[in-house]
N, C-alpha and C. Protein backbone atom coordinates (compact mmCIF):
# COMPACT_ATOMS: atom_id res chain seq x y z
N MET A 1 202.31 64.66 251.09
CA MET A 1 201.07 63.95 251.34
C MET A 1 201.36 62.52 251.77
N LEU A 2 200.70 62.09 252.82
CA LEU A 2 200.80 60.73 253.33
C LEU A 2 199.41 60.12 253.23
N LEU A 3 199.26 59.08 252.42
CA LEU A 3 197.92 58.55 252.14
C LEU A 3 197.90 57.04 252.32
N HIS A 4 196.95 56.57 253.14
CA HIS A 4 196.69 55.15 253.33
C HIS A 4 195.60 54.73 252.35
N ILE A 5 195.91 53.75 251.51
CA ILE A 5 194.94 53.23 250.54
C ILE A 5 194.64 51.78 250.93
N PRO A 6 193.46 51.50 251.46
CA PRO A 6 193.16 50.14 251.92
C PRO A 6 192.80 49.20 250.78
N ALA A 7 193.04 47.90 251.05
CA ALA A 7 192.55 46.82 250.19
C ALA A 7 192.96 46.98 248.72
N VAL A 8 194.22 47.32 248.48
CA VAL A 8 194.72 47.32 247.10
C VAL A 8 194.79 45.89 246.57
N LEU A 9 195.14 44.96 247.45
CA LEU A 9 195.11 43.54 247.13
C LEU A 9 194.03 42.85 247.95
N THR A 10 193.39 41.86 247.40
CA THR A 10 192.46 41.04 248.15
C THR A 10 193.23 40.07 249.04
N SER A 11 192.53 39.45 249.99
CA SER A 11 193.18 38.47 250.86
C SER A 11 193.71 37.30 250.04
N GLU A 12 192.99 36.94 248.98
CA GLU A 12 193.44 35.85 248.12
C GLU A 12 194.72 36.22 247.38
N GLN A 13 194.80 37.47 246.90
CA GLN A 13 196.02 37.91 246.22
C GLN A 13 197.21 37.96 247.17
N VAL A 14 196.96 38.43 248.40
CA VAL A 14 198.04 38.46 249.40
C VAL A 14 198.53 37.05 249.69
N ALA A 15 197.60 36.12 249.88
CA ALA A 15 197.97 34.74 250.19
C ALA A 15 198.80 34.13 249.06
N HIS A 16 198.42 34.43 247.82
CA HIS A 16 199.18 33.92 246.67
C HIS A 16 200.60 34.48 246.67
N LEU A 17 200.74 35.79 246.87
CA LEU A 17 202.07 36.40 246.87
C LEU A 17 202.92 35.83 248.01
N ARG A 18 202.32 35.71 249.19
CA ARG A 18 203.09 35.21 250.34
C ARG A 18 203.52 33.76 250.13
N SER A 19 202.67 32.95 249.54
CA SER A 19 203.04 31.55 249.33
C SER A 19 204.25 31.43 248.41
N ARG A 20 204.35 32.36 247.47
CA ARG A 20 205.50 32.35 246.55
C ARG A 20 206.73 32.97 247.23
N LEU A 21 206.53 34.03 247.98
CA LEU A 21 207.65 34.75 248.57
C LEU A 21 208.26 34.03 249.77
N ASP A 22 207.46 33.26 250.49
CA ASP A 22 207.97 32.60 251.69
C ASP A 22 209.02 31.56 251.38
N THR A 23 209.10 31.10 250.13
CA THR A 23 210.13 30.14 249.74
C THR A 23 211.15 30.75 248.78
N ALA A 24 211.16 32.08 248.70
CA ALA A 24 212.06 32.76 247.75
C ALA A 24 213.50 32.77 248.27
N GLY A 25 214.42 33.02 247.35
CA GLY A 25 215.81 33.19 247.72
C GLY A 25 216.13 34.67 247.91
N TRP A 26 216.24 35.09 249.17
CA TRP A 26 216.42 36.51 249.48
C TRP A 26 217.90 36.87 249.49
N ASP A 27 218.22 38.08 248.99
CA ASP A 27 219.59 38.59 248.97
C ASP A 27 219.76 39.67 250.04
N ASP A 28 221.01 39.94 250.38
CA ASP A 28 221.32 41.02 251.31
C ASP A 28 220.89 42.36 250.71
N GLY A 29 220.02 43.10 251.41
CA GLY A 29 219.51 44.36 250.89
C GLY A 29 220.57 45.43 250.73
N ARG A 30 221.69 45.31 251.40
CA ARG A 30 222.73 46.33 251.29
C ARG A 30 223.33 46.40 249.90
N ALA A 31 223.16 45.34 249.12
CA ALA A 31 223.72 45.33 247.76
C ALA A 31 223.01 46.31 246.84
N THR A 32 221.85 46.82 247.24
CA THR A 32 221.06 47.69 246.37
C THR A 32 221.25 49.17 246.65
N VAL A 33 222.08 49.52 247.64
CA VAL A 33 222.25 50.93 248.01
C VAL A 33 223.72 51.30 247.99
N GLY A 34 223.99 52.61 248.07
CA GLY A 34 225.35 53.10 248.12
C GLY A 34 225.96 52.97 249.50
N PRO A 35 227.20 53.49 249.68
CA PRO A 35 227.91 53.35 250.95
C PRO A 35 227.16 53.95 252.14
N GLN A 36 226.50 55.10 251.94
CA GLN A 36 225.78 55.73 253.06
C GLN A 36 224.59 54.87 253.48
N GLY A 37 223.79 54.41 252.50
CA GLY A 37 222.64 53.59 252.83
C GLY A 37 223.03 52.26 253.44
N ALA A 38 224.15 51.69 253.00
CA ALA A 38 224.58 50.39 253.51
C ALA A 38 224.91 50.43 254.99
N GLN A 39 225.22 51.61 255.51
CA GLN A 39 225.53 51.73 256.94
C GLN A 39 224.30 51.53 257.82
N VAL A 40 223.11 51.78 257.28
CA VAL A 40 221.90 51.73 258.11
C VAL A 40 220.89 50.70 257.63
N LYS A 41 221.19 50.00 256.54
CA LYS A 41 220.23 49.06 255.96
C LYS A 41 220.59 47.63 256.35
N ARG A 42 219.66 46.97 257.01
CA ARG A 42 219.81 45.56 257.36
C ARG A 42 218.49 44.86 257.07
N ASN A 43 218.36 44.36 255.86
CA ASN A 43 217.18 43.59 255.47
C ASN A 43 217.56 42.68 254.32
N ARG A 44 216.57 42.00 253.76
CA ARG A 44 216.79 41.17 252.59
C ARG A 44 215.80 41.55 251.50
N GLN A 45 216.23 41.40 250.26
CA GLN A 45 215.40 41.75 249.12
C GLN A 45 215.52 40.68 248.04
N LEU A 46 214.51 40.66 247.18
CA LEU A 46 214.65 39.90 245.94
C LEU A 46 215.34 40.81 244.93
N HIS A 47 216.34 40.29 244.25
CA HIS A 47 217.03 41.10 243.24
C HIS A 47 216.06 41.46 242.13
N ALA A 48 216.25 42.64 241.56
CA ALA A 48 215.32 43.14 240.54
C ALA A 48 215.21 42.21 239.34
N ASP A 49 216.28 41.46 239.02
CA ASP A 49 216.22 40.58 237.84
C ASP A 49 215.82 39.15 238.20
N ASP A 50 215.45 38.90 239.46
CA ASP A 50 214.95 37.59 239.86
C ASP A 50 213.63 37.34 239.13
N PRO A 51 213.48 36.22 238.43
CA PRO A 51 212.23 35.95 237.71
C PRO A 51 210.99 36.03 238.59
N LEU A 52 211.12 35.61 239.85
CA LEU A 52 209.98 35.68 240.77
C LEU A 52 209.62 37.14 241.06
N ALA A 53 210.63 37.98 241.27
CA ALA A 53 210.37 39.40 241.51
C ALA A 53 209.69 40.04 240.31
N ILE A 54 210.11 39.68 239.11
CA ILE A 54 209.52 40.23 237.90
C ILE A 54 208.06 39.79 237.76
N GLU A 55 207.82 38.50 238.00
CA GLU A 55 206.45 37.97 237.88
C GLU A 55 205.51 38.58 238.90
N LEU A 56 205.91 38.56 240.17
CA LEU A 56 205.03 39.08 241.22
C LEU A 56 204.94 40.60 241.18
N GLY A 57 206.03 41.25 240.78
CA GLY A 57 206.00 42.71 240.66
C GLY A 57 204.99 43.16 239.62
N ALA A 58 204.87 42.40 238.53
CA ALA A 58 203.88 42.74 237.50
C ALA A 58 202.47 42.63 238.06
N GLN A 59 202.23 41.64 238.92
CA GLN A 59 200.91 41.49 239.53
C GLN A 59 200.59 42.65 240.47
N VAL A 60 201.58 43.05 241.26
CA VAL A 60 201.39 44.19 242.16
C VAL A 60 201.15 45.46 241.36
N ARG A 61 201.95 45.68 240.34
CA ARG A 61 201.81 46.90 239.53
C ARG A 61 200.43 46.99 238.89
N GLU A 62 199.93 45.88 238.38
CA GLU A 62 198.61 45.88 237.76
C GLU A 62 197.53 46.26 238.77
N ALA A 63 197.59 45.68 239.97
CA ALA A 63 196.59 45.98 240.98
C ALA A 63 196.65 47.43 241.43
N VAL A 64 197.87 47.94 241.62
CA VAL A 64 198.03 49.32 242.09
C VAL A 64 197.52 50.32 241.05
N LEU A 65 197.89 50.11 239.79
CA LEU A 65 197.51 51.07 238.75
C LEU A 65 196.01 51.05 238.48
N LYS A 66 195.33 49.97 238.85
CA LYS A 66 193.88 49.93 238.69
C LYS A 66 193.14 50.70 239.78
N HIS A 67 193.84 51.00 240.87
CA HIS A 67 193.16 51.61 242.02
C HIS A 67 193.01 53.11 241.80
N PRO A 68 191.78 53.63 241.81
CA PRO A 68 191.58 55.05 241.50
C PRO A 68 192.23 56.00 242.51
N LEU A 69 192.32 55.60 243.78
CA LEU A 69 192.95 56.48 244.76
C LEU A 69 194.43 56.62 244.51
N PHE A 70 195.10 55.53 244.09
CA PHE A 70 196.53 55.65 243.79
C PHE A 70 196.74 56.60 242.63
N PHE A 71 195.96 56.44 241.58
CA PHE A 71 196.15 57.33 240.42
C PHE A 71 195.88 58.78 240.81
N ALA A 72 194.82 59.02 241.58
CA ALA A 72 194.47 60.39 241.97
C ALA A 72 195.55 61.02 242.84
N ALA A 73 196.18 60.22 243.69
CA ALA A 73 197.19 60.75 244.61
C ALA A 73 198.55 60.91 243.96
N ALA A 74 198.97 59.90 243.19
CA ALA A 74 200.32 59.91 242.63
C ALA A 74 200.39 60.58 241.27
N LEU A 75 199.29 60.57 240.52
CA LEU A 75 199.28 61.07 239.14
C LEU A 75 200.51 60.56 238.39
N PRO A 76 200.66 59.22 238.31
CA PRO A 76 201.92 58.64 237.82
C PRO A 76 202.14 58.86 236.33
N LEU A 77 203.35 59.25 236.01
CA LEU A 77 203.81 59.31 234.62
C LEU A 77 204.53 58.01 234.27
N ARG A 78 205.42 57.57 235.16
CA ARG A 78 206.12 56.30 235.02
C ARG A 78 206.24 55.66 236.40
N VAL A 79 206.16 54.34 236.43
CA VAL A 79 206.25 53.60 237.69
C VAL A 79 207.31 52.52 237.54
N LEU A 80 208.28 52.53 238.46
CA LEU A 80 209.29 51.47 238.44
C LEU A 80 208.66 50.14 238.84
N PRO A 81 209.15 49.02 238.31
CA PRO A 81 208.61 47.72 238.71
C PRO A 81 208.72 47.53 240.22
N PRO A 82 207.65 47.08 240.87
CA PRO A 82 207.70 46.85 242.31
C PRO A 82 208.75 45.81 242.69
N LEU A 83 209.37 46.03 243.84
CA LEU A 83 210.35 45.12 244.41
C LEU A 83 209.80 44.56 245.72
N PHE A 84 210.55 43.66 246.35
CA PHE A 84 210.07 42.98 247.55
C PHE A 84 211.18 42.92 248.58
N ASN A 85 210.82 43.14 249.86
CA ASN A 85 211.80 43.02 250.93
C ASN A 85 211.22 42.26 252.11
N ARG A 86 212.12 41.85 253.00
CA ARG A 86 211.76 41.04 254.17
C ARG A 86 212.64 41.46 255.34
N TYR A 87 212.02 41.65 256.49
CA TYR A 87 212.73 41.99 257.72
C TYR A 87 212.35 40.98 258.80
N GLU A 88 213.34 40.47 259.52
CA GLU A 88 213.09 39.63 260.70
C GLU A 88 214.37 39.56 261.52
N GLY A 89 214.26 39.04 262.75
CA GLY A 89 215.44 38.85 263.59
C GLY A 89 216.19 40.13 263.91
N GLY A 90 215.45 41.23 264.14
CA GLY A 90 216.08 42.50 264.48
C GLY A 90 216.49 43.35 263.29
N GLU A 91 216.21 42.89 262.09
CA GLU A 91 216.58 43.68 260.90
C GLU A 91 215.81 44.99 260.86
N GLU A 92 216.43 46.01 260.26
CA GLU A 92 215.86 47.35 260.22
C GLU A 92 216.48 48.12 259.06
N TYR A 93 215.92 49.30 258.82
CA TYR A 93 216.50 50.22 257.83
C TYR A 93 216.46 51.60 258.48
N GLY A 94 217.63 52.11 258.84
CA GLY A 94 217.71 53.37 259.55
C GLY A 94 217.26 54.56 258.71
N LEU A 95 217.25 55.71 259.34
CA LEU A 95 216.74 56.93 258.72
C LEU A 95 217.51 57.24 257.44
N HIS A 96 216.75 57.48 256.36
CA HIS A 96 217.37 57.73 255.06
C HIS A 96 216.37 58.43 254.15
N VAL A 97 216.85 58.89 253.01
CA VAL A 97 215.99 59.42 251.97
C VAL A 97 216.29 58.65 250.69
N ASP A 98 215.25 58.38 249.91
CA ASP A 98 215.44 57.61 248.68
C ASP A 98 216.19 58.43 247.64
N GLY A 99 216.89 57.72 246.76
CA GLY A 99 217.62 58.40 245.69
C GLY A 99 216.68 59.21 244.80
N ALA A 100 217.16 60.34 244.33
CA ALA A 100 216.31 61.25 243.56
C ALA A 100 216.06 60.75 242.14
N VAL A 101 217.04 60.07 241.56
CA VAL A 101 216.94 59.60 240.18
C VAL A 101 217.27 58.11 240.15
N MET A 102 216.41 57.33 239.53
CA MET A 102 216.59 55.88 239.48
C MET A 102 216.45 55.40 238.04
N ARG A 103 216.92 54.17 237.81
CA ARG A 103 216.79 53.56 236.48
C ARG A 103 216.22 52.16 236.62
N GLN A 104 215.34 51.84 235.72
CA GLN A 104 214.80 50.49 235.67
C GLN A 104 215.85 49.56 235.11
N LEU A 105 215.90 48.35 235.65
CA LEU A 105 216.85 47.35 235.15
C LEU A 105 216.65 47.15 233.66
N GLY A 106 217.75 47.27 232.90
CA GLY A 106 217.69 47.06 231.46
C GLY A 106 217.26 48.27 230.67
N SER A 107 217.10 49.41 231.32
CA SER A 107 216.68 50.63 230.64
C SER A 107 217.64 51.77 230.96
N ASP A 108 217.87 52.63 229.99
CA ASP A 108 218.70 53.81 230.21
C ASP A 108 217.87 55.05 230.50
N VAL A 109 216.56 54.90 230.56
CA VAL A 109 215.68 56.05 230.79
C VAL A 109 215.63 56.34 232.29
N PRO A 110 216.07 57.51 232.75
CA PRO A 110 216.02 57.82 234.18
C PRO A 110 214.60 58.14 234.62
N LEU A 111 214.34 57.85 235.88
CA LEU A 111 213.04 58.15 236.49
C LEU A 111 213.29 58.99 237.73
N ARG A 112 212.63 60.13 237.82
CA ARG A 112 212.71 60.97 239.03
C ARG A 112 211.76 60.39 240.06
N SER A 113 212.26 60.07 241.24
CA SER A 113 211.42 59.44 242.26
C SER A 113 210.67 60.52 243.04
N ASP A 114 209.43 60.77 242.65
CA ASP A 114 208.58 61.76 243.32
C ASP A 114 207.76 61.13 244.45
N VAL A 115 207.28 59.92 244.23
CA VAL A 115 206.34 59.27 245.14
C VAL A 115 206.87 57.90 245.53
N SER A 116 206.94 57.63 246.82
CA SER A 116 207.32 56.31 247.34
C SER A 116 206.06 55.58 247.79
N SER A 117 206.05 54.26 247.59
CA SER A 117 204.89 53.47 247.97
C SER A 117 205.36 52.17 248.60
N THR A 118 204.69 51.77 249.68
CA THR A 118 204.93 50.48 250.32
C THR A 118 203.61 49.74 250.44
N LEU A 119 203.59 48.51 249.92
CA LEU A 119 202.41 47.65 249.99
C LEU A 119 202.71 46.56 251.01
N PHE A 120 201.97 46.57 252.11
CA PHE A 120 202.21 45.61 253.19
C PHE A 120 201.66 44.24 252.80
N LEU A 121 202.47 43.20 253.03
CA LEU A 121 202.07 41.83 252.72
C LEU A 121 202.03 40.95 253.96
N SER A 122 202.35 41.51 255.12
CA SER A 122 202.22 40.81 256.40
C SER A 122 201.23 41.56 257.27
N ASP A 123 200.33 40.84 257.92
CA ASP A 123 199.42 41.48 258.85
C ASP A 123 200.16 41.91 260.11
N PRO A 124 199.73 42.98 260.77
CA PRO A 124 200.42 43.46 261.98
C PRO A 124 200.59 42.41 263.07
N ALA A 125 199.63 41.48 263.18
CA ALA A 125 199.72 40.46 264.23
C ALA A 125 200.84 39.45 263.97
N GLU A 126 201.37 39.42 262.75
CA GLU A 126 202.40 38.45 262.40
C GLU A 126 203.79 38.84 262.90
N TYR A 127 203.96 40.11 263.27
CA TYR A 127 205.30 40.55 263.65
C TYR A 127 205.22 41.72 264.62
N GLU A 128 206.29 41.93 265.36
CA GLU A 128 206.41 43.07 266.27
C GLU A 128 207.50 43.99 265.75
N GLY A 129 207.30 45.29 265.95
CA GLY A 129 208.22 46.27 265.38
C GLY A 129 207.92 46.42 263.90
N GLY A 130 208.92 46.90 263.15
CA GLY A 130 208.78 46.99 261.70
C GLY A 130 207.92 48.13 261.21
N GLU A 131 207.60 49.09 262.08
CA GLU A 131 206.81 50.23 261.61
C GLU A 131 207.61 51.06 260.60
N LEU A 132 206.93 51.50 259.56
CA LEU A 132 207.49 52.48 258.65
C LEU A 132 207.30 53.85 259.29
N VAL A 133 208.39 54.57 259.50
CA VAL A 133 208.33 55.89 260.13
C VAL A 133 208.66 56.93 259.06
N VAL A 134 207.72 57.82 258.79
CA VAL A 134 207.88 58.86 257.77
C VAL A 134 207.92 60.22 258.47
N VAL A 135 208.96 61.00 258.15
CA VAL A 135 209.12 62.33 258.72
C VAL A 135 208.82 63.36 257.63
N ASP A 136 207.80 64.19 257.85
CA ASP A 136 207.48 65.23 256.88
C ASP A 136 207.23 66.55 257.60
N SER A 137 206.73 67.54 256.89
CA SER A 137 206.55 68.86 257.47
C SER A 137 205.49 68.88 258.56
N TYR A 138 204.68 67.83 258.66
CA TYR A 138 203.64 67.75 259.68
C TYR A 138 204.05 66.92 260.88
N GLY A 139 205.28 66.41 260.89
CA GLY A 139 205.75 65.64 262.03
C GLY A 139 206.24 64.26 261.65
N THR A 140 206.24 63.36 262.64
CA THR A 140 206.71 62.00 262.47
C THR A 140 205.52 61.04 262.55
N HIS A 141 205.40 60.16 261.58
CA HIS A 141 204.24 59.28 261.48
C HIS A 141 204.72 57.83 261.45
N GLU A 142 204.14 56.99 262.30
CA GLU A 142 204.41 55.56 262.28
C GLU A 142 203.30 54.84 261.53
N VAL A 143 203.68 53.97 260.62
CA VAL A 143 202.71 53.30 259.74
C VAL A 143 202.93 51.79 259.83
N LYS A 144 201.85 51.07 260.13
CA LYS A 144 201.87 49.61 260.16
C LYS A 144 200.48 49.16 259.74
N LEU A 145 200.35 48.72 258.50
CA LEU A 145 199.04 48.51 257.89
C LEU A 145 198.69 47.03 257.72
N PRO A 146 197.41 46.72 257.57
CA PRO A 146 197.01 45.35 257.26
C PRO A 146 197.59 44.90 255.93
N ALA A 147 197.75 43.59 255.78
CA ALA A 147 198.24 43.04 254.53
C ALA A 147 197.29 43.39 253.40
N GLY A 148 197.86 43.86 252.28
CA GLY A 148 197.07 44.29 251.14
C GLY A 148 196.84 45.77 251.07
N ASP A 149 197.20 46.50 252.14
CA ASP A 149 197.03 47.96 252.16
C ASP A 149 198.32 48.65 251.71
N LEU A 150 198.15 49.84 251.15
CA LEU A 150 199.26 50.60 250.56
C LEU A 150 199.41 51.93 251.28
N ILE A 151 200.65 52.34 251.51
CA ILE A 151 200.93 53.69 251.99
C ILE A 151 201.70 54.42 250.89
N VAL A 152 201.28 55.65 250.61
CA VAL A 152 201.88 56.49 249.57
C VAL A 152 202.37 57.77 250.23
N TYR A 153 203.62 58.17 249.96
CA TYR A 153 204.17 59.37 250.58
C TYR A 153 205.22 59.99 249.67
N ALA A 154 205.54 61.24 249.93
CA ALA A 154 206.52 61.95 249.11
C ALA A 154 207.89 61.32 249.27
N ALA A 155 208.55 61.05 248.16
CA ALA A 155 209.88 60.43 248.19
C ALA A 155 210.93 61.37 248.77
N THR A 156 210.61 62.63 248.92
CA THR A 156 211.53 63.58 249.53
C THR A 156 211.61 63.42 251.05
N SER A 157 210.72 62.63 251.63
CA SER A 157 210.64 62.49 253.09
C SER A 157 211.75 61.59 253.64
N LEU A 158 212.34 61.99 254.75
CA LEU A 158 213.17 61.06 255.52
C LEU A 158 212.27 59.97 256.08
N HIS A 159 212.75 58.73 256.08
CA HIS A 159 211.93 57.64 256.61
C HIS A 159 212.83 56.50 257.05
N GLN A 160 212.25 55.56 257.79
CA GLN A 160 212.99 54.40 258.26
C GLN A 160 212.02 53.26 258.55
N VAL A 161 212.55 52.05 258.68
CA VAL A 161 211.80 50.89 259.13
C VAL A 161 212.41 50.45 260.45
N LEU A 162 211.58 50.43 261.50
CA LEU A 162 212.07 50.07 262.84
C LEU A 162 212.39 48.58 262.92
N PRO A 163 213.25 48.18 263.86
CA PRO A 163 213.64 46.77 263.96
C PRO A 163 212.44 45.84 264.14
N VAL A 164 212.48 44.72 263.44
CA VAL A 164 211.47 43.68 263.60
C VAL A 164 211.98 42.70 264.66
N THR A 165 211.28 42.65 265.78
CA THR A 165 211.76 41.87 266.92
C THR A 165 211.08 40.50 267.05
N ARG A 166 209.99 40.30 266.32
CA ARG A 166 209.32 38.98 266.28
C ARG A 166 208.65 38.80 264.94
N GLY A 167 208.73 37.58 264.40
CA GLY A 167 208.08 37.30 263.14
C GLY A 167 208.81 37.93 261.96
N ALA A 168 208.10 38.05 260.85
CA ALA A 168 208.69 38.59 259.62
C ALA A 168 207.76 39.62 259.00
N ARG A 169 208.35 40.70 258.57
CA ARG A 169 207.63 41.77 257.86
C ARG A 169 207.99 41.65 256.38
N VAL A 170 207.01 41.34 255.55
CA VAL A 170 207.22 41.20 254.11
C VAL A 170 206.42 42.29 253.41
N ALA A 171 207.02 42.95 252.44
CA ALA A 171 206.35 44.06 251.76
C ALA A 171 206.85 44.18 250.33
N SER A 172 206.06 44.87 249.53
CA SER A 172 206.49 45.30 248.20
C SER A 172 206.65 46.81 248.25
N PHE A 173 207.58 47.33 247.46
CA PHE A 173 207.81 48.77 247.46
C PHE A 173 208.21 49.21 246.06
N PHE A 174 207.90 50.45 245.75
CA PHE A 174 208.22 50.96 244.41
C PHE A 174 208.15 52.48 244.40
N TRP A 175 208.63 53.07 243.31
CA TRP A 175 208.65 54.52 243.17
C TRP A 175 207.96 54.93 241.87
N SER A 176 207.40 56.12 241.89
CA SER A 176 206.72 56.67 240.72
C SER A 176 207.26 58.06 240.42
N GLN A 177 207.38 58.35 239.14
CA GLN A 177 207.57 59.73 238.71
C GLN A 177 206.20 60.28 238.38
N SER A 178 205.85 61.36 239.03
CA SER A 178 204.52 61.94 238.86
C SER A 178 204.50 62.94 237.71
N MET A 179 203.33 63.09 237.11
CA MET A 179 203.15 64.17 236.14
C MET A 179 203.30 65.53 236.81
N VAL A 180 203.05 65.57 238.14
CA VAL A 180 203.15 66.82 238.91
C VAL A 180 204.30 66.68 239.89
N ARG A 181 205.36 67.45 239.69
CA ARG A 181 206.59 67.27 240.44
C ARG A 181 206.43 67.61 241.93
N GLN A 182 205.72 68.70 242.25
CA GLN A 182 205.68 69.20 243.61
C GLN A 182 204.63 68.48 244.45
N ASP A 183 205.03 68.03 245.65
CA ASP A 183 204.12 67.29 246.51
C ASP A 183 202.91 68.13 246.93
N HIS A 184 203.11 69.41 247.24
CA HIS A 184 201.98 70.23 247.70
C HIS A 184 200.97 70.44 246.57
N GLN A 185 201.43 70.48 245.32
CA GLN A 185 200.51 70.60 244.20
C GLN A 185 199.72 69.30 244.01
N ARG A 186 200.40 68.16 244.15
CA ARG A 186 199.68 66.88 244.07
C ARG A 186 198.64 66.78 245.17
N ALA A 187 198.99 67.25 246.36
CA ALA A 187 198.04 67.19 247.48
C ALA A 187 196.82 68.07 247.21
N MET A 188 197.03 69.25 246.65
CA MET A 188 195.91 70.14 246.32
C MET A 188 195.00 69.50 245.27
N LEU A 189 195.61 68.91 244.25
CA LEU A 189 194.82 68.27 243.20
C LEU A 189 194.06 67.07 243.74
N PHE A 190 194.68 66.30 244.63
CA PHE A 190 194.01 65.15 245.22
C PHE A 190 192.80 65.59 246.04
N ASP A 191 192.98 66.60 246.88
CA ASP A 191 191.87 67.10 247.70
C ASP A 191 190.74 67.62 246.82
N LEU A 192 191.08 68.33 245.75
CA LEU A 192 190.07 68.85 244.84
C LEU A 192 189.35 67.71 244.14
N ASP A 193 190.10 66.72 243.69
CA ASP A 193 189.49 65.57 243.01
C ASP A 193 188.53 64.84 243.93
N GLN A 194 188.94 64.60 245.18
CA GLN A 194 188.07 63.87 246.10
C GLN A 194 186.81 64.66 246.44
N THR A 195 186.94 65.98 246.54
CA THR A 195 185.77 66.82 246.79
C THR A 195 184.80 66.75 245.62
N ILE A 196 185.33 66.78 244.41
CA ILE A 196 184.48 66.66 243.22
C ILE A 196 183.74 65.34 243.22
N GLN A 197 184.44 64.25 243.55
CA GLN A 197 183.80 62.93 243.55
C GLN A 197 182.66 62.87 244.57
N LYS A 198 182.87 63.44 245.75
CA LYS A 198 181.83 63.42 246.79
C LYS A 198 180.64 64.27 246.39
N LEU A 199 180.91 65.44 245.81
CA LEU A 199 179.81 66.31 245.38
C LEU A 199 179.03 65.67 244.24
N ARG A 200 179.73 65.01 243.33
CA ARG A 200 179.04 64.35 242.21
C ARG A 200 178.09 63.27 242.72
N ALA A 201 178.53 62.51 243.76
CA ALA A 201 177.68 61.47 244.31
C ALA A 201 176.43 62.05 244.97
N LYS A 202 176.54 63.28 245.52
CA LYS A 202 175.40 63.89 246.19
C LYS A 202 174.50 64.66 245.24
N LEU A 203 175.11 65.36 244.29
CA LEU A 203 174.37 66.36 243.51
C LEU A 203 174.24 66.03 242.03
N GLY A 204 175.03 65.08 241.56
CA GLY A 204 175.06 64.87 240.12
C GLY A 204 175.93 65.91 239.44
N ASP A 205 175.97 65.89 238.11
CA ASP A 205 176.83 66.80 237.36
C ASP A 205 176.09 68.08 237.02
N ASP A 206 175.93 68.97 238.02
CA ASP A 206 175.30 70.25 237.74
C ASP A 206 176.34 71.23 237.18
N THR A 207 175.90 72.42 236.85
CA THR A 207 176.78 73.39 236.20
C THR A 207 177.95 73.78 237.09
N GLU A 208 177.68 73.97 238.39
CA GLU A 208 178.73 74.39 239.31
C GLU A 208 179.80 73.30 239.44
N LEU A 209 179.35 72.04 239.47
CA LEU A 209 180.31 70.96 239.59
C LEU A 209 181.17 70.84 238.32
N LYS A 210 180.56 71.07 237.18
CA LYS A 210 181.33 71.05 235.93
C LYS A 210 182.38 72.17 235.94
N SER A 211 182.03 73.30 236.52
CA SER A 211 183.00 74.40 236.62
C SER A 211 184.16 74.02 237.53
N LEU A 212 183.83 73.35 238.66
CA LEU A 212 184.88 72.90 239.58
C LEU A 212 185.78 71.87 238.90
N THR A 213 185.18 70.96 238.12
CA THR A 213 185.95 69.97 237.38
C THR A 213 186.88 70.64 236.37
N ALA A 214 186.39 71.69 235.73
CA ALA A 214 187.23 72.43 234.79
C ALA A 214 188.43 73.04 235.49
N HIS A 215 188.23 73.57 236.70
CA HIS A 215 189.35 74.13 237.46
C HIS A 215 190.39 73.05 237.75
N TYR A 216 189.93 71.83 238.12
CA TYR A 216 190.87 70.74 238.38
C TYR A 216 191.72 70.47 237.14
N HIS A 217 191.08 70.29 236.00
CA HIS A 217 191.82 69.94 234.80
C HIS A 217 192.72 71.08 234.32
N ASN A 218 192.30 72.29 234.53
CA ASN A 218 193.15 73.42 234.12
C ASN A 218 194.38 73.54 235.02
N LEU A 219 194.23 73.25 236.32
CA LEU A 219 195.38 73.22 237.19
C LEU A 219 196.33 72.08 236.82
N LEU A 220 195.75 70.91 236.53
CA LEU A 220 196.59 69.78 236.11
C LEU A 220 197.30 70.10 234.81
N ARG A 221 196.60 70.74 233.90
CA ARG A 221 197.19 71.12 232.61
C ARG A 221 198.36 72.09 232.81
N GLN A 222 198.24 72.98 233.80
CA GLN A 222 199.28 73.97 234.07
C GLN A 222 200.50 73.32 234.72
N TRP A 223 200.28 72.35 235.61
CA TRP A 223 201.36 71.79 236.42
C TRP A 223 201.96 70.52 235.86
N ALA A 224 201.26 69.85 234.98
CA ALA A 224 201.71 68.52 234.53
C ALA A 224 202.94 68.62 233.64
N GLU A 225 203.86 67.67 233.83
CA GLU A 225 205.02 67.50 232.97
C GLU A 225 204.89 66.12 232.32
N THR A 226 204.91 66.09 230.99
CA THR A 226 204.78 64.80 230.31
C THR A 226 205.88 64.65 229.27
């Protein structure tokens, strides 16, 4: 499932994050990946233990977890603290897949990366290139969203960030372990949930809608891992 969630952050929240990040001390992004990833990764990141990354990551996490569409799509069990990256001057990240198992800094608890998320913090007019390209069973998708918008996609997907040829592309990114491991099951539950919400707005909670809601929860009960 590839889902665009608009306006996760307000323009004021984006401006606050950018004002802090534009003066940050960025590290070479290759330090965060293994030998294979380092061959195709050319960007800069804030280190996970950077106090600024921790502070701003908490703000991003709070906003994302409050958004009903993110919860409905990702069904998160655990969410890694959001990180931040920056691309400019031709920097890019070639085709790759994210690691299957990750650990939060300072924790020994592993997290299975089911869902990848990128929160755009630069408006498209600020830079050229820098599209997030996601390859899934439905083809190849180029994503370049307004600042404050979020893209959510299966972490199993091959993806890349195209070279930024003008300006700077700044974003936050993070991974979630879902209660529902399989992407197609999450997609089915999301579609069912959204249909229920639309029907409730039109019809209210009649008997048939309550039955449909029961089917949603029984499917979630069957598929969820906690």
